[in-house]
Protein backbone atom coordinates (compact mmCIF):
# COMPACT_ATOMS: atom_id res chain seq x y z
CA MET A 1 13.21 4.57 -10.81
CA LYS A 2 14.90 7.93 -11.08
CA TRP A 3 13.50 9.07 -14.40
CA PRO A 4 15.20 12.46 -14.57
CA ILE A 5 18.56 10.69 -14.68
CA VAL A 6 17.72 8.79 -17.86
CA TYR A 7 18.57 11.90 -19.80
CA GLN A 8 21.94 12.27 -18.07
CA ARG A 9 24.78 13.09 -20.45
CA ARG A 10 28.25 11.74 -20.01
CA ARG A 11 30.67 14.37 -18.75
CA GLU A 12 33.64 12.71 -20.38
CA GLU A 13 32.20 13.39 -23.85
CA HIS A 14 33.06 17.06 -23.28
CA PRO A 15 32.64 19.75 -25.98
CA SER A 16 32.14 17.43 -28.95
CA ARG A 17 29.04 15.96 -27.32
CA LYS A 18 27.67 19.41 -26.62
CA LYS A 19 28.30 20.50 -30.21
CA GLY A 20 26.52 17.43 -31.51
CA PHE A 21 23.45 18.15 -29.43
CA LEU A 22 23.39 21.80 -30.41
CA SER A 23 23.73 20.89 -34.07
CA ILE A 24 20.72 18.61 -33.89
CA LEU A 25 18.65 21.39 -32.39
CA VAL A 26 19.78 23.80 -35.08
CA ILE A 27 18.88 21.31 -37.82
CA GLY A 28 15.48 20.93 -36.23
CA GLY A 29 14.77 24.60 -36.88
CA LEU A 30 15.83 25.98 -33.54
CA LEU A 31 16.96 29.24 -35.10
CA PHE A 32 13.57 29.81 -36.74
CA SER A 33 12.85 32.80 -34.55
CA CYS A 34 15.40 35.38 -33.45
CA ALA A 35 13.17 37.58 -31.36
CA LEU A 36 13.33 37.29 -27.59
CA THR A 37 9.97 36.90 -25.91
CA GLU A 38 9.08 38.57 -22.66
CA LYS A 39 8.78 35.14 -21.00
CA SER A 40 12.15 33.90 -22.19
CA SER A 41 13.90 37.06 -20.99
CA LEU A 42 13.11 36.03 -17.43
CA PHE A 43 15.81 33.40 -17.77
CA SER A 44 18.56 35.67 -19.06
CA ASP A 45 19.81 36.38 -15.54
CA SER A 46 23.31 35.05 -14.89
CA TYR A 47 21.92 33.22 -11.85
CA PHE A 48 20.75 30.42 -14.12
CA THR A 49 24.05 30.04 -16.01
CA THR A 50 26.33 29.92 -12.97
CA ALA A 51 28.05 26.52 -12.73
CA PRO A 52 31.03 24.85 -11.00
CA THR A 53 33.12 24.71 -14.20
CA LYS A 54 33.55 26.90 -17.29
CA TYR A 55 32.41 24.02 -19.51
CA GLU A 56 29.18 23.60 -17.56
CA ALA A 57 28.58 27.36 -17.49
CA SER A 58 29.17 27.52 -21.23
CA THR A 59 26.77 24.65 -21.82
CA LEU A 60 24.06 26.35 -19.76
CA SER A 61 24.65 29.67 -21.51
CA ASP A 62 24.27 28.02 -24.92
CA LEU A 63 21.15 26.17 -23.86
CA PHE A 64 19.48 29.30 -22.50
CA SER A 65 20.39 31.15 -25.70
CA LEU A 66 18.66 28.45 -27.70
CA LEU A 67 15.70 28.50 -25.35
CA GLN A 68 15.22 32.23 -25.89
CA LYS A 69 14.97 31.64 -29.64
CA GLU A 70 12.63 28.66 -29.51
CA THR A 71 9.28 30.31 -28.82
CA TYR A 72 6.94 27.58 -30.08
CA PRO A 73 5.82 25.13 -27.35
CA GLY A 74 6.54 21.61 -28.42
CA GLU A 75 9.07 18.80 -28.46
CA THR A 76 12.04 20.94 -29.45
CA GLN A 77 11.41 23.50 -26.74
CA PHE A 78 10.87 20.74 -24.22
CA SER A 79 14.15 19.06 -25.17
CA ILE A 80 16.02 22.27 -24.35
CA VAL A 81 14.22 22.74 -21.02
CA ARG A 82 14.90 19.12 -20.18
CA GLU A 83 18.57 19.47 -21.03
CA ILE A 84 18.88 22.53 -18.79
CA ALA A 85 17.21 20.71 -15.91
CA THR A 86 19.46 17.71 -16.52
CA GLU A 87 22.51 19.96 -16.26
CA TYR A 88 21.38 20.99 -12.80
CA LEU A 89 20.71 17.39 -11.86
CA GLN A 90 24.21 16.40 -12.98
CA THR A 91 25.75 18.77 -10.47
CA LYS A 92 23.04 18.17 -7.85
CA ASP A 93 22.17 21.85 -8.02
CA TYR A 94 18.66 21.17 -6.81
CA HIS A 95 17.85 24.73 -5.75
CA ARG A 96 18.59 26.12 -9.19
CA LEU A 97 16.72 23.23 -10.80
CA ILE A 98 13.64 23.90 -8.69
CA ASN A 99 13.76 27.64 -9.34
CA PHE A 100 14.19 27.17 -13.08
CA VAL A 101 11.49 24.54 -13.58
CA THR A 102 8.89 26.18 -11.33
CA LEU A 103 9.47 29.55 -13.02
CA TRP A 104 9.19 27.92 -16.44
CA SER A 105 6.04 26.05 -15.42
CA THR A 106 4.45 29.23 -14.07
CA THR A 107 5.27 31.36 -17.13
CA HIS A 108 4.47 28.60 -19.66
CA PRO A 109 1.22 27.01 -18.48
CA GLU A 110 0.56 25.85 -22.06
CA ASP A 111 3.65 23.61 -22.04
CA PRO A 112 2.37 20.08 -22.81
CA TYR A 113 5.23 18.54 -20.81
CA GLN A 114 4.30 20.05 -17.45
CA SER A 115 3.89 16.59 -15.89
CA TYR A 116 7.47 15.63 -16.56
CA LEU A 117 8.90 18.99 -15.54
CA LEU A 118 7.04 19.00 -12.21
CA PHE A 119 8.13 15.41 -11.69
CA MET A 120 11.72 16.66 -11.85
CA VAL A 121 10.89 19.25 -9.18
CA ALA A 122 9.36 16.57 -6.96
CA TYR A 123 12.41 14.40 -7.52
CA ALA A 124 14.71 17.27 -6.54
CA TYR A 125 12.83 17.79 -3.28
CA LEU A 126 12.95 14.06 -2.62
CA GLU A 127 16.72 13.99 -3.12
CA GLN A 128 17.03 16.72 -0.50
CA GLY A 129 14.99 14.71 2.02
CA MET A 130 12.00 17.05 1.78
CA LYS A 131 9.43 14.28 1.47
CA PRO A 132 6.25 16.23 2.35
CA VAL A 133 7.02 18.84 -0.33
CA ALA A 134 7.85 16.14 -2.87
CA ALA A 135 4.54 14.43 -2.06
CA LEU A 136 2.65 17.66 -2.74
CA TYR A 137 4.15 17.81 -6.23
CA PHE A 138 3.51 14.12 -6.98
CA ASP A 139 -0.09 14.61 -5.88
CA ARG A 140 -0.44 17.78 -7.94
CA ILE A 141 0.84 16.01 -11.06
CA VAL A 142 -1.64 13.14 -10.78
CA LYS A 143 -4.64 15.32 -10.04
CA ASN A 144 -4.01 18.32 -12.28
CA TYR A 145 -1.90 17.34 -15.28
CA PRO A 146 -2.27 14.78 -18.08
CA ASP A 147 -0.16 11.67 -17.97
CA LEU A 148 3.00 11.33 -20.06
CA MET A 149 4.90 8.26 -21.15
CA VAL A 150 8.66 8.46 -20.60
CA GLN A 151 10.64 5.57 -22.07
CA GLY A 152 7.44 3.55 -22.14
CA LYS A 153 6.57 4.26 -18.51
CA SER A 154 3.74 6.34 -17.09
CA ILE A 155 4.59 9.37 -14.97
CA HIS A 156 1.25 9.07 -13.15
CA LEU A 157 2.01 5.45 -12.27
CA GLU A 158 5.38 6.44 -10.85
CA CYS A 159 3.82 9.33 -8.90
CA LEU A 160 1.14 7.07 -7.39
CA ASN A 161 3.73 4.52 -6.30
CA ARG A 162 5.77 7.31 -4.67
CA LEU A 163 2.70 8.76 -2.97
CA ILE A 164 1.82 5.42 -1.40
CA GLU A 165 5.28 5.38 0.15
CA LEU A 166 5.22 9.02 1.24
CA VAL A 167 1.63 9.68 2.41
CA PRO A 168 0.42 7.42 5.25
CA ASN A 169 -3.02 9.04 5.53
CA PRO A 170 -5.57 6.20 4.97
CA GLN A 171 -8.05 8.34 3.05
CA GLN A 172 -5.36 9.51 0.67
CA GLN A 173 -4.05 5.94 0.35
CA ILE A 174 -7.54 4.78 -0.63
CA TRP A 175 -7.63 7.26 -3.51
CA TYR A 176 -4.15 6.27 -4.69
CA TYR A 177 -4.93 2.53 -4.65
CA GLN A 178 -8.23 3.10 -6.45
CA GLU A 179 -6.35 4.98 -9.16
CA LEU A 180 -3.77 2.22 -9.47
CA ILE A 181 -6.41 -0.50 -9.71
CA SER A 182 -8.64 1.31 -12.20
CA ARG A 183 -5.93 2.79 -14.43
CA PHE A 184 -2.93 0.47 -14.20
CA PRO A 185 -4.20 -3.07 -13.47
CA GLN A 186 -1.65 -4.60 -15.86
CA HIS A 187 1.31 -2.86 -14.21
CA ILE A 188 0.74 -3.61 -10.52
CA ASP A 189 0.25 -6.57 -8.19
CA LEU A 190 -3.54 -6.47 -7.99
CA GLY A 191 -3.63 -8.78 -4.98
CA LYS A 192 -1.39 -6.45 -3.00
CA ALA A 193 -3.40 -3.42 -4.10
CA TYR A 194 -6.76 -4.97 -3.13
CA PHE A 195 -5.49 -6.07 0.28
CA LEU A 196 -3.93 -2.72 1.18
CA LEU A 197 -6.97 -0.86 -0.13
CA ALA A 198 -9.12 -3.01 2.15
CA LYS A 199 -6.77 -2.41 5.07
CA ASN A 200 -7.07 1.36 4.63
CA TYR A 201 -10.86 1.14 4.44
CA GLU A 202 -10.70 -0.85 7.67
CA LYS A 203 -8.60 1.86 9.32
CA ILE A 204 -11.27 4.50 8.71
CA GLY A 205 -14.14 2.19 9.69
CA LYS A 206 -15.63 1.63 6.24
CA TRP A 207 -16.22 -2.07 6.70
CA GLU A 208 -18.49 -2.75 3.74
CA GLU A 209 -15.80 -1.47 1.38
CA ALA A 210 -13.09 -3.29 3.35
CA ILE A 211 -14.88 -6.64 3.07
CA GLN A 212 -15.50 -6.12 -0.66
CA ASN A 213 -11.80 -5.59 -1.29
CA TYR A 214 -10.67 -8.42 1.00
CA SER A 215 -12.97 -10.63 -1.09
CA LYS A 216 -11.34 -9.37 -4.31
CA PHE A 217 -7.93 -10.12 -2.81
CA LEU A 218 -8.65 -13.81 -2.08
CA PRO A 219 -8.12 -15.09 -5.67
CA TYR A 220 -4.64 -13.53 -5.57
CA TYR A 221 -3.51 -15.78 -2.72
CA THR A 222 0.06 -15.94 -4.06
CA SER A 223 0.56 -12.18 -3.62
CA ILE A 224 3.12 -11.22 -1.00
CA ILE A 225 2.01 -8.29 1.15
CA PRO A 226 4.94 -6.53 2.89
CA GLY A 227 4.28 -6.32 6.61
CA TYR A 228 1.40 -8.81 6.47
CA PRO A 229 2.81 -12.36 6.30
CA ASP A 230 -0.61 -13.81 7.22
CA ALA A 231 -2.58 -11.66 4.77
CA LEU A 232 -4.44 -14.54 3.13
CA ASP A 233 -5.43 -16.12 6.44
CA TYR A 234 -6.55 -12.73 7.80
CA ALA A 235 -8.62 -11.87 4.73
CA LYS A 236 -10.20 -15.33 4.55
CA LYS A 237 -11.19 -15.27 8.21
CA ILE A 238 -12.75 -11.84 8.05
CA VAL A 239 -14.65 -12.52 4.79
CA ASP A 240 -15.92 -15.91 5.97
CA PHE A 241 -17.02 -14.50 9.31
CA TYR A 242 -18.75 -11.55 7.63
CA ASN A 243 -20.73 -13.87 5.36
CA SER A 244 -21.72 -16.29 8.15
CA PRO A 245 -24.95 -16.14 10.23
CA LYS A 246 -22.94 -15.74 13.47
CA ASP A 247 -25.74 -17.46 15.41
CA TRP A 248 -23.34 -19.26 17.75
CA THR A 249 -22.27 -16.14 19.64
CA PHE A 250 -23.12 -15.27 23.26
CA ASP A 251 -23.58 -11.90 24.88
CA SER A 252 -21.04 -12.61 27.63
CA LEU A 253 -18.31 -15.03 28.64
CA ASP A 254 -20.35 -16.16 31.64
CA SER A 255 -23.35 -17.11 29.52
CA LEU A 256 -21.12 -18.98 27.05
CA VAL A 257 -19.30 -20.95 29.77
CA LYS A 258 -22.60 -21.74 31.49
CA ALA A 259 -24.03 -23.14 28.24
CA ILE A 260 -20.92 -25.24 27.58
CA LYS A 261 -20.95 -26.67 31.10
CA GLY A 262 -24.64 -27.52 30.75
CA ALA A 263 -23.97 -29.44 27.52
CA LEU A 264 -21.09 -31.34 29.16
CA ASP A 265 -23.22 -32.20 32.22
CA ALA A 266 -25.92 -33.55 29.91
CA GLY A 267 -23.37 -35.41 27.77
CA ASN A 268 -25.01 -33.74 24.79
CA SER A 269 -22.67 -33.66 21.80
CA ASN A 270 -25.32 -32.00 19.61
CA LEU A 271 -25.42 -28.98 21.91
CA LEU A 272 -21.64 -28.74 21.85
CA ASN A 273 -21.71 -28.73 18.04
CA ARG A 274 -24.34 -26.00 18.13
CA TYR A 275 -22.28 -23.81 20.49
CA LYS A 276 -18.94 -23.99 18.69
CA ALA A 277 -18.05 -21.39 16.06
CA LYS A 278 -19.00 -22.42 12.53
CA VAL A 279 -16.31 -20.28 10.93
CA ASN A 280 -12.57 -20.31 11.72
CA PHE A 281 -12.95 -22.90 14.50
CA PHE A 282 -9.67 -24.72 15.17
CA ALA A 283 -8.53 -27.83 16.99
CA LEU A 284 -4.82 -28.31 17.63
CA SER A 285 -2.25 -29.26 20.23
CA TRP A 286 -0.40 -26.72 22.34
CA GLY A 287 2.56 -25.41 20.34
CA GLN A 288 1.12 -26.61 17.02
CA GLU A 289 1.05 -23.87 14.40
CA TYR A 290 -2.32 -22.70 13.17
CA ASP A 291 -2.90 -23.09 9.44
CA ASP A 292 -5.79 -23.52 7.05
CA ARG A 293 -5.91 -27.27 7.72
CA SER A 294 -6.73 -26.71 11.38
CA SER A 295 -9.34 -24.04 10.56
CA GLY A 296 -12.95 -25.12 10.35
CA GLU A 297 -12.09 -28.41 12.05
CA GLU A 298 -15.07 -30.72 12.34
CA VAL A 299 -14.69 -32.13 15.83
CA ALA A 300 -16.78 -35.25 16.39
CA PHE A 301 -17.55 -34.92 20.11
CA SER A 302 -19.81 -37.96 20.40
CA PRO A 303 -17.18 -40.72 19.95
CA PHE A 304 -15.01 -39.20 22.69
CA MET A 305 -17.90 -38.76 25.12
CA ALA A 306 -19.53 -42.19 24.87
CA GLY A 307 -19.50 -43.92 28.25
CA ASN A 308 -17.47 -41.10 29.80
CA ARG A 309 -18.38 -38.28 32.07
CA ILE A 310 -16.56 -35.18 30.92
CA ARG A 311 -15.45 -33.04 33.81
CA TYR A 312 -14.43 -29.41 33.82
CA ALA A 313 -12.74 -26.82 36.03
CA ALA A 314 -14.99 -24.73 38.23
CA GLU A 315 -13.55 -21.50 36.82
CA VAL A 316 -11.83 -20.46 33.65
CA ASP A 317 -8.05 -20.81 33.67
CA ALA A 318 -5.94 -18.21 35.52
CA SER A 319 -4.21 -17.30 32.25
CA SER A 320 -7.50 -15.90 30.89
CA ASN A 321 -7.87 -12.18 30.22
CA PRO A 322 -10.68 -9.76 29.27
CA ASN A 323 -10.49 -10.87 25.62
CA GLU A 324 -9.61 -14.57 25.83
CA ALA A 325 -10.44 -17.40 28.19
CA PHE A 326 -9.60 -21.10 28.63
CA LEU A 327 -11.71 -23.77 30.29
CA LYS A 328 -10.00 -27.01 31.24
CA THR A 329 -11.95 -30.20 30.57
CA TRP A 330 -10.90 -33.84 30.95
CA GLY A 331 -12.19 -37.38 30.57
CA TRP A 332 -12.19 -37.53 26.78
CA SER A 333 -11.52 -41.02 25.45
CA GLN A 334 -8.44 -40.44 23.37
CA ARG A 335 -4.68 -40.36 23.90
CA MET A 336 -4.84 -36.78 25.20
CA SER A 337 -7.81 -36.88 27.51
CA THR A 338 -7.45 -33.24 28.56
CA TRP A 339 -8.90 -30.58 26.31
CA TYR A 340 -8.86 -26.82 26.86
CA PHE A 341 -11.80 -25.00 25.34
CA TYR A 342 -10.74 -21.63 23.97
CA PHE A 343 -13.19 -18.69 24.13
CA ARG A 344 -12.61 -15.22 22.72
CA LYS A 345 -14.33 -11.87 22.59
CA ILE A 346 -15.29 -11.07 19.02
CA ASN A 347 -13.47 -8.12 17.49
CA PHE A 348 -15.64 -7.27 14.49
CA PRO A 349 -16.58 -3.58 14.23
CA ALA A 350 -18.17 -4.29 10.85
CA ASP A 351 -21.24 -5.55 12.74
CA PRO A 352 -21.99 -3.60 15.94
CA ASN A 353 -24.51 -6.25 16.97
CA ILE A 354 -21.78 -8.90 17.01
CA HIS A 355 -18.76 -6.84 18.04
CA GLY A 356 -17.89 -7.52 21.69
CA ARG A 357 -19.87 -10.76 21.98
CA TRP A 358 -18.18 -14.08 22.81
CA GLU A 359 -17.61 -17.27 20.84
CA TRP A 360 -16.15 -20.72 21.43
CA ALA A 361 -13.37 -20.47 18.88
CA GLY A 362 -11.31 -23.63 19.32
CA ILE A 363 -9.77 -26.48 21.28
CA PHE A 364 -6.24 -27.10 22.52
CA TYR A 365 -5.46 -30.78 23.12
CA GLY A 366 -3.38 -31.82 26.15
CA GLU A 367 -2.03 -30.13 29.23
CA LYS A 368 -0.91 -26.54 28.88
CA LEU A 369 2.75 -26.06 28.08
């Protein structure tokens, strides 16, 4: 939302519109004081009243004249300052807008509308493509000035939303999302905020905080997270794994494969059940899409082993790599008698004792495609 534009005046209303506005200000007591203050005289330079047309220059001249006479900080003074800034916005005179508002802000630190005025400066920089500078102003507003409601909307909320778009730094993003969640829970998608807060904690290695926020995200499973189509599946996996005992893991692929082969040689289905992952284990056919229904699959090994000797390849499949491995087995008593056991190296920096170990994570039924 481009808030500064909400005050835009129609050009086609020409002098009558200007006279109406000026009359309102006069009625409101604008001419109460006739003395020029030292601060107001800073704006008497013709630089600020230069405009593309005589009408616009006249409007600016009248507004600055009124501003010089309105010495009391408040709504009336603010309305004049806002109108001047809006004039510059109308003509996209961003340089003059920035100079005027920053000078006003510096010389009138008591102005209660600083948040809105600096928001206009940030907006002007944004319109010129100067995103880093705009971000500095949005950040300054949120951290140093009280919030203001403009047409029922919070300036701080708008600044935080802009900052999330403009500042990719994870630590800064964490602060912005925390502010959104604590201050504006009714005005944001909490599920999205919790997930992205967790993701930023993950980026800087703060896993305890990441897991906490992934857990808070789970009840908001309908939230759509841009760039993360599998957000719910990802969060569920990582939370479930974190909360599990992880006592099925092996220190190396060789030790895991050796244990599996020993259980197959012994025809021991209980050992196989002990060795398989207890969280996020899947069983599906090649080409079948993974979903929650295939996760945590309870594979009953015993019925498919009875009376059969299950054989296996001497080595893991040639398609294996340092992080994943496949072991071909066959002789299972079902329509697809060939099963590939899928092993993977655990990527879980949250627990250094588990990170880098190996687990039997699933089964693919049938010959490889």
